[in-house]
């Protein structure tokens, strides 16, 4: 049995690696084509070598997204080839029953699950952050839209709405605005800084223009403006939280997402989008288990000489449909305010039922 497992595992690993390399090469080519118009147009010289490095740093994110599809296509190819060459018939006569085959593939799927989780939670966030810093050196910083990122924090009876236009490659904030409101929601002060640095439990603002709005009972409201070279603003908003607000949630690790969700909930902000992405991070690696179960019935089919190509193509379509359904459920769940774990786990649950149904019908009954 150990020899059979070794044979299946080696073949599947080679096939999945080959499919993954093919997809990554395709995405590398398309990403580089997209970067060509930016060459020479950035604030500094954006050379071909830097564009290649930037595109290469985005490959771990593509690998994380493509891993379940590559596992499905690679496993289908191996199972179909075994069936076409009658190798799987020989393995069955050697004692490889349906449940043993399923158990062996689930062990292999668990390995791919761990690899997918490690890629999406450790390798991809680091490489994406490095790629963003590289691009920031060329474009002058990382920003979202024309207004930048907005964050909110509550301190005792006061609430603060914070706006950061851009985060530079050196980790400094550009054009910081802090709107302070009292418990009634009235604006108390507006603090604007040209630059800001992250400190220990505070932000250090530079070139500060502070406007205070004071209103005493029975007196005329006053507006006082103060110009300060530096200002220390105590806050629990860290550099990671600002980076989160400037980057897409799918590029964050599971722990960073969880901490940011807690920050949003503590400050009475909606966290639906980030909760869905958090549960997607939890469920998405487990889809590798579903894919190997979905590929097992292909070993029990009877192929003609050229029939394997159509079945592999069918596996490609199944993988693409899973990827699209996973994204569609995320968007619909965010718009319709679905329960986050339901919106994130529904595609995997549907394909689990599909894979188990195919296993029962094609393997056990036939």
Protein backbone atom coordinates (compact mmCIF):
# COMPACT_ATOMS: atom_id res chain seq x y z
CA UNK A 1 0.00 0.00 0.00
CA UNK A 2 2.92 2.33 0.69
CA UNK A 3 4.20 1.79 -2.86
CA UNK A 4 0.76 2.62 -4.30
CA UNK A 5 0.50 5.80 -2.26
CA UNK A 6 3.99 6.83 -3.31
CA UNK A 7 3.11 6.28 -6.97
CA UNK A 8 -0.11 8.32 -6.74
CA UNK A 9 1.43 11.10 -4.63
CA UNK A 10 4.45 11.60 -6.88
CA UNK A 11 2.34 11.69 -10.04
CA UNK A 12 -0.17 14.14 -8.56
CA UNK A 13 2.55 16.40 -7.14
CA UNK A 14 4.30 16.59 -10.51
CA UNK A 15 1.03 17.28 -12.31
CA UNK A 16 -0.07 19.99 -9.87
CA UNK A 17 3.36 21.63 -10.01
CA UNK A 18 3.29 21.61 -13.82
CA UNK A 19 -0.22 23.12 -13.95
CA UNK A 20 0.71 25.76 -11.36
CA UNK A 21 3.82 26.77 -13.29
CA UNK A 22 1.79 27.04 -16.47
CA UNK A 23 -0.81 29.30 -14.87
CA UNK A 24 1.83 31.42 -13.13
CA UNK A 25 3.73 31.91 -16.37
CA UNK A 26 0.51 33.04 -18.04
CA UNK A 27 -0.31 35.52 -15.26
CA UNK A 28 3.30 36.75 -15.21
CA UNK A 29 3.06 37.52 -18.92
CA UNK A 30 -0.29 39.35 -18.62
CA UNK A 31 0.84 41.35 -15.57
CA UNK A 32 4.02 42.41 -17.33
CA UNK A 33 2.02 43.51 -20.37
CA UNK A 34 -0.10 45.67 -18.03
CA UNK A 35 3.04 47.25 -16.58
CA UNK A 36 4.57 48.21 -19.93
CA UNK A 37 2.56 51.49 -20.25
CA UNK A 38 3.91 52.58 -16.83
CA UNK A 39 7.55 52.32 -17.88
CA UNK A 40 9.10 55.78 -17.79
CA UNK A 41 5.88 57.52 -16.71
CA UNK A 42 6.34 57.33 -12.95
CA UNK A 43 7.86 60.05 -10.80
CA UNK A 44 11.17 58.21 -11.01
CA UNK A 45 12.64 56.00 -13.71
CA UNK A 46 10.59 52.80 -13.75
CA UNK A 47 12.85 50.38 -15.58
CA UNK A 48 12.13 46.97 -17.06
CA UNK A 49 14.02 45.17 -14.28
CA UNK A 50 11.88 46.89 -11.62
CA UNK A 51 8.71 46.03 -13.53
CA UNK A 52 9.81 42.38 -13.71
CA UNK A 53 10.54 42.40 -9.97
CA UNK A 54 7.16 43.96 -9.22
CA UNK A 55 5.33 41.39 -11.34
CA UNK A 56 7.35 38.57 -9.78
CA UNK A 57 6.41 39.70 -6.27
CA UNK A 58 2.74 39.35 -7.19
CA UNK A 59 3.11 35.67 -8.11
CA UNK A 60 2.52 34.31 -4.56
CA UNK A 61 -0.92 35.96 -4.54
CA UNK A 62 -1.72 34.34 -7.88
CA UNK A 63 -0.46 31.00 -6.57
CA UNK A 64 -2.78 31.28 -3.58
CA UNK A 65 -5.78 31.99 -5.81
CA UNK A 66 -4.91 29.26 -8.33
CA UNK A 67 -3.92 26.45 -5.97
CA UNK A 68 -7.36 24.73 -5.70
CA UNK A 69 -7.80 24.93 -9.48
CA UNK A 70 -4.31 23.51 -10.07
CA UNK A 71 -4.99 20.71 -7.57
CA UNK A 72 -8.23 19.82 -9.37
CA UNK A 73 -6.74 19.85 -12.88
CA UNK A 74 -3.56 18.01 -11.86
CA UNK A 75 -5.42 15.31 -9.94
CA UNK A 76 -8.00 14.84 -12.73
CA UNK A 77 -5.19 14.45 -15.27
CA UNK A 78 -3.44 11.79 -13.18
CA UNK A 79 -6.63 9.86 -12.37
CA UNK A 80 -7.82 9.97 -15.99
CA UNK A 81 -4.42 8.85 -17.28
CA UNK A 82 -4.40 5.96 -14.81
CA UNK A 83 -7.84 4.94 -16.03
CA UNK A 84 -6.93 5.26 -19.71
CA UNK A 85 -3.80 3.12 -19.40
CA UNK A 86 -5.60 0.58 -17.14
CA UNK A 87 -3.08 1.30 -14.38
CA UNK A 88 -5.89 2.11 -11.98
CA UNK A 89 -7.52 -1.25 -12.74
CA UNK A 90 -4.30 -2.93 -11.70
CA UNK A 91 -4.18 -0.80 -8.55
CA UNK A 92 -7.75 -1.83 -7.71
CA UNK A 93 -6.90 -5.51 -8.07
CA UNK A 94 -3.90 -4.87 -5.79
CA UNK A 95 -6.22 -3.81 -2.98
CA UNK A 96 -6.83 -0.11 -3.63
CA UNK A 97 -10.54 0.11 -2.84
CA UNK A 98 -12.65 3.26 -3.11
CA UNK A 99 -12.34 4.21 0.56
CA UNK A 100 -8.61 3.62 0.62
CA UNK A 101 -8.20 5.72 -2.50
CA UNK A 102 -10.34 8.45 -0.97
CA UNK A 103 -8.34 8.38 2.25
CA UNK A 104 -5.04 8.55 0.36
CA UNK A 105 -6.18 11.51 -1.71
CA UNK A 106 -7.53 13.32 1.37
CA UNK A 107 -4.08 13.07 2.97
CA UNK A 108 -2.59 14.61 -0.16
CA UNK A 109 -5.34 17.24 -0.16
CA UNK A 110 -4.48 18.09 3.44
CA UNK A 111 -0.89 18.78 2.35
CA UNK A 112 -2.13 21.13 -0.36
CA UNK A 113 -4.44 22.77 2.20
CA UNK A 114 -1.53 23.55 4.51
CA UNK A 115 0.53 24.81 1.56
CA UNK A 116 -2.33 27.06 0.39
CA UNK A 117 -2.86 28.46 3.87
CA UNK A 118 0.85 29.17 4.36
CA UNK A 119 1.04 30.87 0.96
CA UNK A 120 -2.02 33.05 1.55
CA UNK A 121 -1.27 33.91 5.17
CA UNK A 122 2.49 34.37 5.21
CA UNK A 123 4.14 34.47 1.78
CA UNK A 124 1.54 36.44 -0.21
CA UNK A 125 1.06 39.32 2.31
CA UNK A 126 4.81 39.85 2.63
CA UNK A 127 5.42 39.77 -1.12
CA UNK A 128 2.43 42.04 -1.80
CA UNK A 129 3.63 44.55 0.79
CA UNK A 130 7.11 44.51 -0.75
CA UNK A 131 5.61 44.99 -4.21
CA UNK A 132 3.52 47.94 -3.00
CA UNK A 133 6.56 49.57 -1.41
CA UNK A 134 8.50 49.09 -4.64
CA UNK A 135 5.68 50.67 -6.62
CA UNK A 136 5.38 53.44 -4.02
CA UNK A 137 8.98 54.48 -4.67
CA UNK A 138 8.04 54.94 -8.31
CA UNK A 139 4.64 56.60 -7.84
CA UNK A 140 5.43 58.57 -4.69
CA UNK A 141 3.38 56.44 -2.28
CA UNK A 142 0.46 54.09 -1.79
CA UNK A 143 -3.03 55.59 -1.94
CA UNK A 144 -6.67 54.68 -2.52
CA UNK A 145 -8.59 56.93 -4.90
CA UNK A 146 -8.42 60.72 -4.66
CA UNK A 147 -9.16 61.06 -0.93
CA UNK A 148 -6.99 58.29 0.50
CA UNK A 149 -7.96 56.12 3.45
CA UNK A 150 -10.46 56.90 6.21
CA UNK A 151 -10.27 55.47 9.71
CA UNK A 152 -12.24 56.05 12.90
CA UNK A 153 -11.37 55.86 16.58
CA UNK A 154 -13.22 56.58 19.82
CA UNK A 155 -11.39 57.96 22.87
CA UNK A 156 -13.52 58.42 25.97
CA UNK A 157 -16.36 60.80 24.99
CA UNK A 158 -14.74 61.96 21.77
CA UNK A 159 -14.70 60.35 18.34
CA UNK A 160 -12.05 60.93 15.69
CA UNK A 161 -12.36 60.55 11.92
CA UNK A 162 -8.88 60.30 10.42
CA UNK A 163 -7.95 60.72 6.78
CA UNK A 164 -4.55 59.74 5.34
CA UNK A 165 -3.98 60.63 1.71
CA UNK A 166 -0.91 58.51 1.06
CA UNK A 167 1.58 56.20 2.71
CA UNK A 168 5.12 56.65 1.42
CA UNK A 169 7.68 53.94 0.83
CA UNK A 170 9.53 55.08 3.97
CA UNK A 171 6.42 54.47 6.10
CA UNK A 172 5.46 58.16 6.51
CA UNK A 173 1.92 59.47 6.11
CA UNK A 174 1.22 62.32 3.73
CA UNK A 175 -1.50 64.93 4.36
CA UNK A 176 -3.10 63.76 7.57
CA UNK A 177 -6.46 65.19 8.66
CA UNK A 178 -8.05 64.51 12.05
CA UNK A 179 -11.66 65.53 12.69
CA UNK A 180 -12.53 65.54 16.40
CA UNK A 181 -16.19 65.45 17.53
CA UNK A 182 -17.75 65.45 21.00
CA UNK A 183 -20.41 63.10 22.39
CA UNK A 184 -23.17 65.14 20.67
CA UNK A 185 -21.48 64.79 17.27
CA UNK A 186 -20.43 68.46 17.10
CA UNK A 187 -17.07 69.25 15.51
CA UNK A 188 -14.57 70.30 18.18
CA UNK A 189 -11.33 70.58 16.23
CA UNK A 190 -9.69 69.96 12.89
CA UNK A 191 -6.02 69.04 12.82
CA UNK A 192 -4.13 68.96 9.52
CA UNK A 193 -0.55 67.83 9.14
CA UNK A 194 1.53 67.77 6.00
CA UNK A 195 3.39 64.69 7.22
CA UNK A 196 2.99 62.12 9.96
CA UNK A 197 5.12 59.41 11.52
CA UNK A 198 4.12 56.41 13.60
CA UNK A 199 5.37 56.44 17.16
CA UNK A 200 4.86 54.39 20.29
CA UNK A 201 1.14 54.77 20.97
CA UNK A 202 0.95 58.10 19.12
CA UNK A 203 1.37 59.85 15.79
CA UNK A 204 3.99 62.56 15.36
CA UNK A 205 2.57 65.17 12.98
CA UNK A 206 4.71 67.76 11.20
CA UNK A 207 3.78 71.19 9.83
CA UNK A 208 0.48 71.19 11.71
CA UNK A 209 -2.44 73.55 11.17
CA UNK A 210 -4.95 73.10 14.03
CA UNK A 211 -8.38 74.74 14.14
CA UNK A 212 -10.41 74.62 17.39
CA UNK A 213 -14.14 75.36 17.60
CA UNK A 214 -15.23 76.42 21.11
CA UNK A 215 -18.75 77.31 22.19
CA UNK A 216 -19.55 78.41 25.73
CA UNK A 217 -23.11 78.71 27.04
CA UNK A 218 -24.43 82.23 26.38
CA UNK A 219 -21.33 83.39 24.51
CA UNK A 220 -20.43 83.79 20.85
CA UNK A 221 -18.73 80.71 19.32
CA UNK A 222 -15.03 81.16 18.70
CA UNK A 223 -12.71 79.73 16.08
CA UNK A 224 -9.05 79.59 17.00
CA UNK A 225 -6.30 78.63 14.56
CA UNK A 226 -2.85 77.55 15.67
CA UNK A 227 0.21 76.79 13.57
CA UNK A 228 2.56 74.20 15.11
CA UNK A 229 5.81 72.70 13.79
CA UNK A 230 5.06 69.31 15.41
CA UNK A 231 2.20 67.74 17.33
CA UNK A 232 1.92 64.43 19.18
CA UNK A 233 -1.52 62.82 18.83
CA UNK A 234 -2.12 59.77 21.09
CA UNK A 235 -3.89 56.97 19.22
CA UNK A 236 -4.16 53.21 18.97
CA UNK A 237 -4.28 53.28 15.16
CA UNK A 238 -1.12 51.49 14.07
CA UNK A 239 0.80 51.46 10.81
CA UNK A 240 -0.67 48.04 10.00
CA UNK A 241 -4.21 49.44 10.28
CA UNK A 242 -3.39 52.31 7.92
CA UNK A 243 -1.82 49.84 5.50
CA UNK A 244 -4.94 47.68 5.74
CA UNK A 245 -7.15 50.65 4.84
CA UNK A 246 -4.94 51.42 1.83
CA UNK A 247 -4.64 47.83 0.58
CA UNK A 248 -7.23 45.30 -0.52
CA UNK A 249 -8.50 43.00 2.26
CA UNK A 250 -7.69 39.86 0.26
CA UNK A 251 -3.99 40.82 0.51
CA UNK A 252 -4.03 40.69 4.30
CA UNK A 253 -3.24 37.79 6.59
CA UNK A 254 -5.95 36.14 8.67
CA UNK A 255 -4.60 37.59 11.93
CA UNK A 256 -4.42 41.13 10.50
CA UNK A 257 -7.99 40.81 9.24
CA UNK A 258 -9.20 39.63 12.64
CA UNK A 259 -7.49 42.48 14.47
CA UNK A 260 -8.80 45.05 12.00
CA UNK A 261 -12.35 43.69 12.32
CA UNK A 262 -12.13 44.08 16.10
CA UNK A 263 -10.93 47.65 15.64
CA UNK A 264 -13.85 48.45 13.33
CA UNK A 265 -16.39 46.90 15.70
CA UNK A 266 -14.93 48.74 18.69
CA UNK A 267 -15.42 52.03 16.83
CA UNK A 268 -18.96 51.23 15.60
CA UNK A 269 -17.91 50.83 11.94
CA UNK A 270 -19.24 48.33 9.46
CA UNK A 271 -16.97 45.32 8.99
CA UNK A 272 -19.10 43.18 6.65
CA UNK A 273 -16.59 43.22 3.79
CA UNK A 274 -13.66 42.32 6.02
CA UNK A 275 -15.59 39.60 7.86
CA UNK A 276 -16.47 37.92 4.56
CA UNK A 277 -12.83 38.07 3.50
CA UNK A 278 -11.77 36.69 6.90
CA UNK A 279 -14.02 33.64 6.51
CA UNK A 280 -12.87 33.22 2.92
CA UNK A 281 -9.32 33.03 4.25
CA UNK A 282 -10.50 30.28 6.62
CA UNK A 283 -12.50 28.24 4.09
CA UNK A 284 -10.52 28.74 0.88
CA UNK A 285 -7.55 26.44 1.69
CA UNK A 286 -10.01 23.67 2.63
CA UNK A 287 -11.28 23.66 -0.95
CA UNK A 288 -8.19 21.65 -1.90
CA UNK A 289 -9.75 18.72 -0.02
CA UNK A 290 -12.94 19.15 -2.03
CA UNK A 291 -11.01 19.21 -5.31
CA UNK A 292 -9.20 15.90 -4.75
CA UNK A 293 -12.51 14.21 -3.87
CA UNK A 294 -14.06 15.70 -7.01
CA UNK A 295 -11.19 14.30 -9.10
CA UNK A 296 -11.34 10.73 -7.76
CA UNK A 297 -14.37 9.59 -9.86
CA UNK A 298 -12.37 10.25 -13.05
CA UNK A 299 -10.29 7.17 -12.22
CA UNK A 300 -13.39 4.98 -12.56
CA UNK A 301 -14.41 6.20 -16.01
CA UNK A 302 -13.67 4.39 -19.27
CA UNK A 303 -11.78 6.53 -21.78
CA UNK A 304 -11.27 6.33 -25.46
CA UNK A 305 -7.86 7.12 -26.88
CA UNK A 306 -8.60 10.86 -27.18
CA UNK A 307 -11.23 11.17 -24.44
CA UNK A 308 -8.85 12.28 -21.69
CA UNK A 309 -8.47 15.74 -23.19
CA UNK A 310 -12.17 16.53 -22.92
CA UNK A 311 -12.28 15.42 -19.30
CA UNK A 312 -9.27 17.53 -18.38
CA UNK A 313 -10.93 20.47 -20.13
CA UNK A 314 -14.05 19.77 -18.06
CA UNK A 315 -11.87 19.93 -14.95
CA UNK A 316 -10.59 23.33 -16.06
CA UNK A 317 -14.18 24.57 -16.43
CA UNK A 318 -15.12 23.22 -12.99
CA UNK A 319 -12.14 24.96 -11.41
CA UNK A 320 -12.89 28.27 -13.12
CA UNK A 321 -16.55 28.02 -12.10
CA UNK A 322 -15.51 27.51 -8.47
CA UNK A 323 -13.23 30.54 -8.61
CA UNK A 324 -15.96 32.71 -10.15
CA UNK A 325 -18.64 31.46 -7.76
CA UNK A 326 -16.37 32.15 -4.80
CA UNK A 327 -15.95 35.78 -5.88
CA UNK A 328 -19.62 36.25 -6.82
CA UNK A 329 -20.84 35.00 -3.44
CA UNK A 330 -18.46 37.41 -1.73
CA UNK A 331 -19.81 40.42 -3.63
CA UNK A 332 -23.46 39.38 -3.27
CA UNK A 333 -23.02 38.64 0.43
CA UNK A 334 -21.52 42.09 0.96
CA UNK A 335 -24.33 43.85 -0.92
CA UNK A 336 -27.17 41.79 0.57
CA UNK A 337 -25.67 41.81 4.09
CA UNK A 338 -25.54 38.02 4.37
CA UNK A 339 -24.03 36.24 7.36
CA UNK A 340 -20.27 36.46 6.61
CA UNK A 341 -19.40 32.80 7.14
CA UNK A 342 -22.36 31.73 4.98
CA UNK A 343 -21.32 34.00 2.11
CA UNK A 344 -17.74 32.79 2.34
CA UNK A 345 -18.44 29.08 2.87
CA UNK A 346 -21.40 28.53 0.51
CA UNK A 347 -19.31 27.84 -2.66
CA UNK A 348 -17.14 25.31 -0.85
CA UNK A 349 -20.22 23.64 0.65
CA UNK A 350 -21.92 23.36 -2.75
CA UNK A 351 -18.84 21.83 -4.35
CA UNK A 352 -18.47 19.47 -1.39
CA UNK A 353 -21.97 18.14 -2.07
CA UNK A 354 -21.10 17.88 -5.77
CA UNK A 355 -17.90 15.95 -5.09
CA UNK A 356 -19.55 13.57 -2.60
CA UNK A 357 -22.45 13.01 -5.00
CA UNK A 358 -20.04 12.19 -7.84
CA UNK A 359 -18.09 9.85 -5.55
CA UNK A 360 -21.22 7.96 -4.43
CA UNK A 361 -22.71 7.67 -7.93
CA UNK A 362 -19.63 6.93 -10.05
CA UNK A 363 -17.46 5.08 -7.53
CA UNK A 364 -19.64 3.27 -5.03
CA UNK A 365 -22.74 2.52 -7.11
CA UNK A 366 -21.08 1.89 -10.48
